[in-house]
Amino acid sequence: MANIKSAAKRARQNVKRRDHNRYYQTTARTFVKKARAQIETGDLETAEATIQQAIKTLDKAAQKGTIHRNNAARRKSRLVKALNKAKTAEA
C-alpha cells in the first residue's frame, strides 16, 4: 500500500481508469469476435451489421485512448477484408 497521500490517490485513480478502459476493450473484442464467427459460418448479412458495431466500438476505444488508433484501423481493415473475401467466395 502507498505511504504517501498522492501515491494513494494515484492508486485509486488507476483502479478506476483500468475498469473504464477494460469496458471499451472488452466490448470491442466481443463485437470483433462475433463478426468473425458470423463470417466463418457464412451469415454475411448479419456479419455486416455486426462489423458496423465493431467499427463503432473500435473507434470509440481509440478515441478514449484505450487502444492506439493504428491498432483500431488495422483491426477494422482486417474485418472488412475478411467480409469482402467471404462475399467474393460466395458469389
N, C-alpha and C. Protein backbone atom coordinates (compact mmCIF):
# COMPACT_ATOMS: atom_id res chain seq x y z
N MET A 1 0.84 -1.19 0.00
CA MET A 1 0.00 0.00 0.00
C MET A 1 0.88 1.24 0.00
N ALA A 2 0.38 2.28 -0.60
CA ALA A 2 1.15 3.52 -0.72
C ALA A 2 1.24 4.23 0.63
N ASN A 3 2.40 4.80 0.91
CA ASN A 3 2.63 5.53 2.15
C ASN A 3 2.36 7.02 1.99
N ILE A 4 2.43 7.49 0.77
CA ILE A 4 2.28 8.93 0.50
C ILE A 4 0.87 9.18 -0.01
N LYS A 5 0.32 10.30 0.44
CA LYS A 5 -1.06 10.64 0.11
C LYS A 5 -1.31 10.69 -1.41
N SER A 6 -0.40 11.32 -2.12
CA SER A 6 -0.57 11.45 -3.57
C SER A 6 -0.46 10.09 -4.27
N ALA A 7 0.38 9.22 -3.73
CA ALA A 7 0.52 7.87 -4.31
C ALA A 7 -0.74 7.05 -4.07
N ALA A 8 -1.37 7.25 -2.92
CA ALA A 8 -2.61 6.54 -2.62
C ALA A 8 -3.72 7.00 -3.56
N LYS A 9 -3.76 8.30 -3.81
CA LYS A 9 -4.76 8.85 -4.74
C LYS A 9 -4.52 8.31 -6.14
N ARG A 10 -3.28 8.27 -6.55
CA ARG A 10 -2.92 7.77 -7.88
C ARG A 10 -3.34 6.31 -8.01
N ALA A 11 -3.18 5.53 -6.96
CA ALA A 11 -3.57 4.12 -6.98
C ALA A 11 -5.09 3.99 -7.16
N ARG A 12 -5.85 4.84 -6.46
CA ARG A 12 -7.30 4.83 -6.61
C ARG A 12 -7.70 5.20 -8.04
N GLN A 13 -7.04 6.20 -8.60
CA GLN A 13 -7.34 6.63 -9.97
C GLN A 13 -7.03 5.52 -10.97
N ASN A 14 -5.93 4.83 -10.73
CA ASN A 14 -5.54 3.75 -11.65
C ASN A 14 -6.58 2.63 -11.68
N VAL A 15 -7.15 2.32 -10.52
CA VAL A 15 -8.18 1.28 -10.46
C VAL A 15 -9.39 1.72 -11.27
N LYS A 16 -9.79 2.95 -11.08
CA LYS A 16 -10.95 3.50 -11.78
C LYS A 16 -10.72 3.50 -13.29
N ARG A 17 -9.55 3.95 -13.71
CA ARG A 17 -9.22 4.03 -15.13
C ARG A 17 -9.10 2.65 -15.76
N ARG A 18 -8.56 1.70 -15.00
CA ARG A 18 -8.41 0.34 -15.53
C ARG A 18 -9.79 -0.25 -15.84
N ASP A 19 -10.74 -0.06 -14.94
CA ASP A 19 -12.10 -0.55 -15.17
C ASP A 19 -12.73 0.14 -16.37
N HIS A 20 -12.51 1.45 -16.48
CA HIS A 20 -13.06 2.24 -17.58
C HIS A 20 -12.49 1.76 -18.92
N ASN A 21 -11.18 1.56 -18.97
CA ASN A 21 -10.52 1.11 -20.20
C ASN A 21 -10.93 -0.32 -20.55
N ARG A 22 -11.06 -1.16 -19.53
CA ARG A 22 -11.41 -2.56 -19.77
C ARG A 22 -12.78 -2.68 -20.43
N TYR A 23 -13.71 -1.80 -20.06
CA TYR A 23 -15.04 -1.81 -20.66
C TYR A 23 -14.94 -1.62 -22.18
N TYR A 24 -14.17 -0.63 -22.62
CA TYR A 24 -14.04 -0.36 -24.05
C TYR A 24 -13.30 -1.48 -24.77
N GLN A 25 -12.30 -2.05 -24.12
CA GLN A 25 -11.56 -3.14 -24.75
C GLN A 25 -12.42 -4.38 -24.92
N THR A 26 -13.16 -4.74 -23.90
CA THR A 26 -13.94 -5.97 -23.97
C THR A 26 -15.12 -5.85 -24.93
N THR A 27 -15.76 -4.67 -24.98
CA THR A 27 -16.87 -4.53 -25.91
C THR A 27 -16.37 -4.61 -27.35
N ALA A 28 -15.24 -3.97 -27.62
CA ALA A 28 -14.67 -4.03 -28.97
C ALA A 28 -14.30 -5.47 -29.31
N ARG A 29 -13.67 -6.15 -28.38
CA ARG A 29 -13.24 -7.53 -28.61
C ARG A 29 -14.44 -8.44 -28.86
N THR A 30 -15.53 -8.21 -28.13
CA THR A 30 -16.73 -9.02 -28.27
C THR A 30 -17.33 -8.88 -29.66
N PHE A 31 -17.47 -7.64 -30.14
CA PHE A 31 -18.07 -7.43 -31.45
C PHE A 31 -17.18 -7.97 -32.57
N VAL A 32 -15.88 -7.84 -32.42
CA VAL A 32 -14.95 -8.37 -33.43
C VAL A 32 -15.08 -9.89 -33.48
N LYS A 33 -15.16 -10.50 -32.31
CA LYS A 33 -15.27 -11.95 -32.22
C LYS A 33 -16.58 -12.43 -32.84
N LYS A 34 -17.69 -11.73 -32.56
CA LYS A 34 -18.99 -12.09 -33.13
C LYS A 34 -18.96 -11.97 -34.66
N ALA A 35 -18.36 -10.88 -35.14
CA ALA A 35 -18.31 -10.66 -36.59
C ALA A 35 -17.50 -11.76 -37.27
N ARG A 36 -16.37 -12.11 -36.69
CA ARG A 36 -15.54 -13.18 -37.27
C ARG A 36 -16.29 -14.51 -37.31
N ALA A 37 -17.02 -14.80 -36.25
CA ALA A 37 -17.79 -16.05 -36.19
C ALA A 37 -18.88 -16.05 -37.26
N GLN A 38 -19.54 -14.92 -37.45
CA GLN A 38 -20.60 -14.84 -38.46
C GLN A 38 -20.04 -14.96 -39.87
N ILE A 39 -18.87 -14.41 -40.10
CA ILE A 39 -18.23 -14.53 -41.41
C ILE A 39 -17.88 -15.99 -41.69
N GLU A 40 -17.35 -16.67 -40.67
CA GLU A 40 -16.96 -18.07 -40.84
C GLU A 40 -18.16 -18.97 -41.11
N THR A 41 -19.30 -18.68 -40.48
CA THR A 41 -20.48 -19.50 -40.68
C THR A 41 -21.20 -19.16 -41.98
N GLY A 42 -20.85 -18.02 -42.57
CA GLY A 42 -21.44 -17.64 -43.85
C GLY A 42 -22.67 -16.75 -43.71
N ASP A 43 -22.92 -16.25 -42.52
CA ASP A 43 -24.06 -15.36 -42.27
C ASP A 43 -23.62 -13.92 -42.54
N LEU A 44 -23.50 -13.58 -43.82
CA LEU A 44 -22.86 -12.32 -44.20
C LEU A 44 -23.73 -11.09 -43.96
N GLU A 45 -25.04 -11.24 -44.02
CA GLU A 45 -25.90 -10.07 -43.80
C GLU A 45 -25.82 -9.57 -42.37
N THR A 46 -25.92 -10.50 -41.43
CA THR A 46 -25.79 -10.08 -40.02
C THR A 46 -24.35 -9.72 -39.69
N ALA A 47 -23.40 -10.33 -40.40
CA ALA A 47 -21.99 -10.01 -40.18
C ALA A 47 -21.72 -8.55 -40.52
N GLU A 48 -22.37 -8.05 -41.58
CA GLU A 48 -22.20 -6.64 -41.95
C GLU A 48 -22.64 -5.71 -40.84
N ALA A 49 -23.80 -6.00 -40.25
CA ALA A 49 -24.32 -5.18 -39.16
C ALA A 49 -23.40 -5.26 -37.94
N THR A 50 -22.91 -6.46 -37.66
CA THR A 50 -22.02 -6.63 -36.52
C THR A 50 -20.69 -5.93 -36.76
N ILE A 51 -20.22 -5.95 -37.99
CA ILE A 51 -18.97 -5.26 -38.31
C ILE A 51 -19.12 -3.76 -38.10
N GLN A 52 -20.28 -3.22 -38.45
CA GLN A 52 -20.52 -1.79 -38.22
C GLN A 52 -20.45 -1.46 -36.73
N GLN A 53 -21.01 -2.34 -35.89
CA GLN A 53 -20.93 -2.15 -34.45
C GLN A 53 -19.49 -2.28 -33.97
N ALA A 54 -18.76 -3.24 -34.53
CA ALA A 54 -17.37 -3.45 -34.15
C ALA A 54 -16.53 -2.22 -34.51
N ILE A 55 -16.78 -1.67 -35.70
CA ILE A 55 -16.05 -0.48 -36.13
C ILE A 55 -16.35 0.69 -35.19
N LYS A 56 -17.61 0.81 -34.82
CA LYS A 56 -18.01 1.89 -33.90
C LYS A 56 -17.30 1.75 -32.55
N THR A 57 -17.28 0.53 -32.01
CA THR A 57 -16.65 0.34 -30.71
C THR A 57 -15.13 0.47 -30.78
N LEU A 58 -14.53 0.03 -31.89
CA LEU A 58 -13.09 0.20 -32.05
C LEU A 58 -12.72 1.68 -32.15
N ASP A 59 -13.53 2.44 -32.88
CA ASP A 59 -13.28 3.89 -32.98
C ASP A 59 -13.42 4.55 -31.62
N LYS A 60 -14.41 4.13 -30.85
CA LYS A 60 -14.63 4.70 -29.53
C LYS A 60 -13.45 4.38 -28.61
N ALA A 61 -12.97 3.14 -28.67
CA ALA A 61 -11.83 2.74 -27.84
C ALA A 61 -10.59 3.53 -28.22
N ALA A 62 -10.40 3.77 -29.52
CA ALA A 62 -9.24 4.55 -29.98
C ALA A 62 -9.39 6.01 -29.55
N GLN A 63 -10.60 6.52 -29.62
CA GLN A 63 -10.85 7.91 -29.23
C GLN A 63 -10.57 8.11 -27.74
N LYS A 64 -10.93 7.13 -26.93
CA LYS A 64 -10.71 7.22 -25.49
C LYS A 64 -9.26 6.97 -25.10
N GLY A 65 -8.47 6.47 -26.06
CA GLY A 65 -7.06 6.20 -25.77
C GLY A 65 -6.82 4.83 -25.18
N THR A 66 -7.84 3.98 -25.19
CA THR A 66 -7.70 2.63 -24.65
C THR A 66 -6.80 1.79 -25.56
N ILE A 67 -7.00 1.92 -26.87
CA ILE A 67 -6.12 1.28 -27.84
C ILE A 67 -5.58 2.36 -28.77
N HIS A 68 -4.50 2.07 -29.43
CA HIS A 68 -3.90 3.02 -30.36
C HIS A 68 -4.75 3.12 -31.61
N ARG A 69 -4.79 4.29 -32.22
CA ARG A 69 -5.65 4.49 -33.39
C ARG A 69 -5.23 3.62 -34.56
N ASN A 70 -3.93 3.35 -34.69
CA ASN A 70 -3.47 2.46 -35.76
C ASN A 70 -3.91 1.02 -35.51
N ASN A 71 -3.96 0.64 -34.24
CA ASN A 71 -4.43 -0.69 -33.86
C ASN A 71 -5.90 -0.84 -34.25
N ALA A 72 -6.69 0.18 -33.97
CA ALA A 72 -8.11 0.15 -34.34
C ALA A 72 -8.26 0.08 -35.86
N ALA A 73 -7.49 0.88 -36.57
CA ALA A 73 -7.56 0.90 -38.03
C ALA A 73 -7.18 -0.46 -38.61
N ARG A 74 -6.17 -1.09 -38.04
CA ARG A 74 -5.72 -2.40 -38.53
C ARG A 74 -6.81 -3.44 -38.32
N ARG A 75 -7.43 -3.43 -37.16
CA ARG A 75 -8.49 -4.41 -36.87
C ARG A 75 -9.70 -4.20 -37.77
N LYS A 76 -10.07 -2.95 -37.99
CA LYS A 76 -11.20 -2.64 -38.88
C LYS A 76 -10.90 -3.11 -40.29
N SER A 77 -9.69 -2.84 -40.74
CA SER A 77 -9.29 -3.23 -42.08
C SER A 77 -9.36 -4.74 -42.26
N ARG A 78 -8.88 -5.47 -41.29
CA ARG A 78 -8.88 -6.93 -41.38
C ARG A 78 -10.30 -7.50 -41.39
N LEU A 79 -11.18 -6.87 -40.60
CA LEU A 79 -12.57 -7.33 -40.57
C LEU A 79 -13.24 -7.14 -41.92
N VAL A 80 -13.11 -5.94 -42.47
CA VAL A 80 -13.75 -5.63 -43.75
C VAL A 80 -13.15 -6.48 -44.87
N LYS A 81 -11.86 -6.68 -44.79
CA LYS A 81 -11.17 -7.51 -45.78
C LYS A 81 -11.70 -8.94 -45.74
N ALA A 82 -11.89 -9.48 -44.55
CA ALA A 82 -12.42 -10.84 -44.40
C ALA A 82 -13.85 -10.93 -44.92
N LEU A 83 -14.63 -9.90 -44.66
CA LEU A 83 -16.02 -9.87 -45.15
C LEU A 83 -16.05 -9.85 -46.67
N ASN A 84 -15.23 -8.99 -47.27
CA ASN A 84 -15.19 -8.90 -48.73
C ASN A 84 -14.71 -10.20 -49.37
N LYS A 85 -13.76 -10.86 -48.72
CA LYS A 85 -13.25 -12.13 -49.22
C LYS A 85 -14.37 -13.19 -49.18
N ALA A 86 -15.14 -13.18 -48.10
CA ALA A 86 -16.24 -14.14 -47.97
C ALA A 86 -17.33 -13.86 -48.99
N LYS A 87 -17.57 -12.58 -49.28
CA LYS A 87 -18.59 -12.22 -50.28
C LYS A 87 -18.19 -12.69 -51.67
N THR A 88 -16.92 -12.49 -52.02
CA THR A 88 -16.46 -12.91 -53.35
C THR A 88 -16.46 -14.43 -53.46
N ALA A 89 -16.16 -15.12 -52.39
CA ALA A 89 -16.16 -16.59 -52.40
C ALA A 89 -17.58 -17.12 -52.55
N GLU A 90 -18.55 -16.40 -51.99
CA GLU A 90 -19.94 -16.82 -52.07
C GLU A 90 -20.50 -16.62 -53.48
N ALA A 91 -20.08 -15.54 -54.12
CA ALA A 91 -20.63 -15.20 -55.46
C ALA A 91 -20.08 -16.09 -56.56
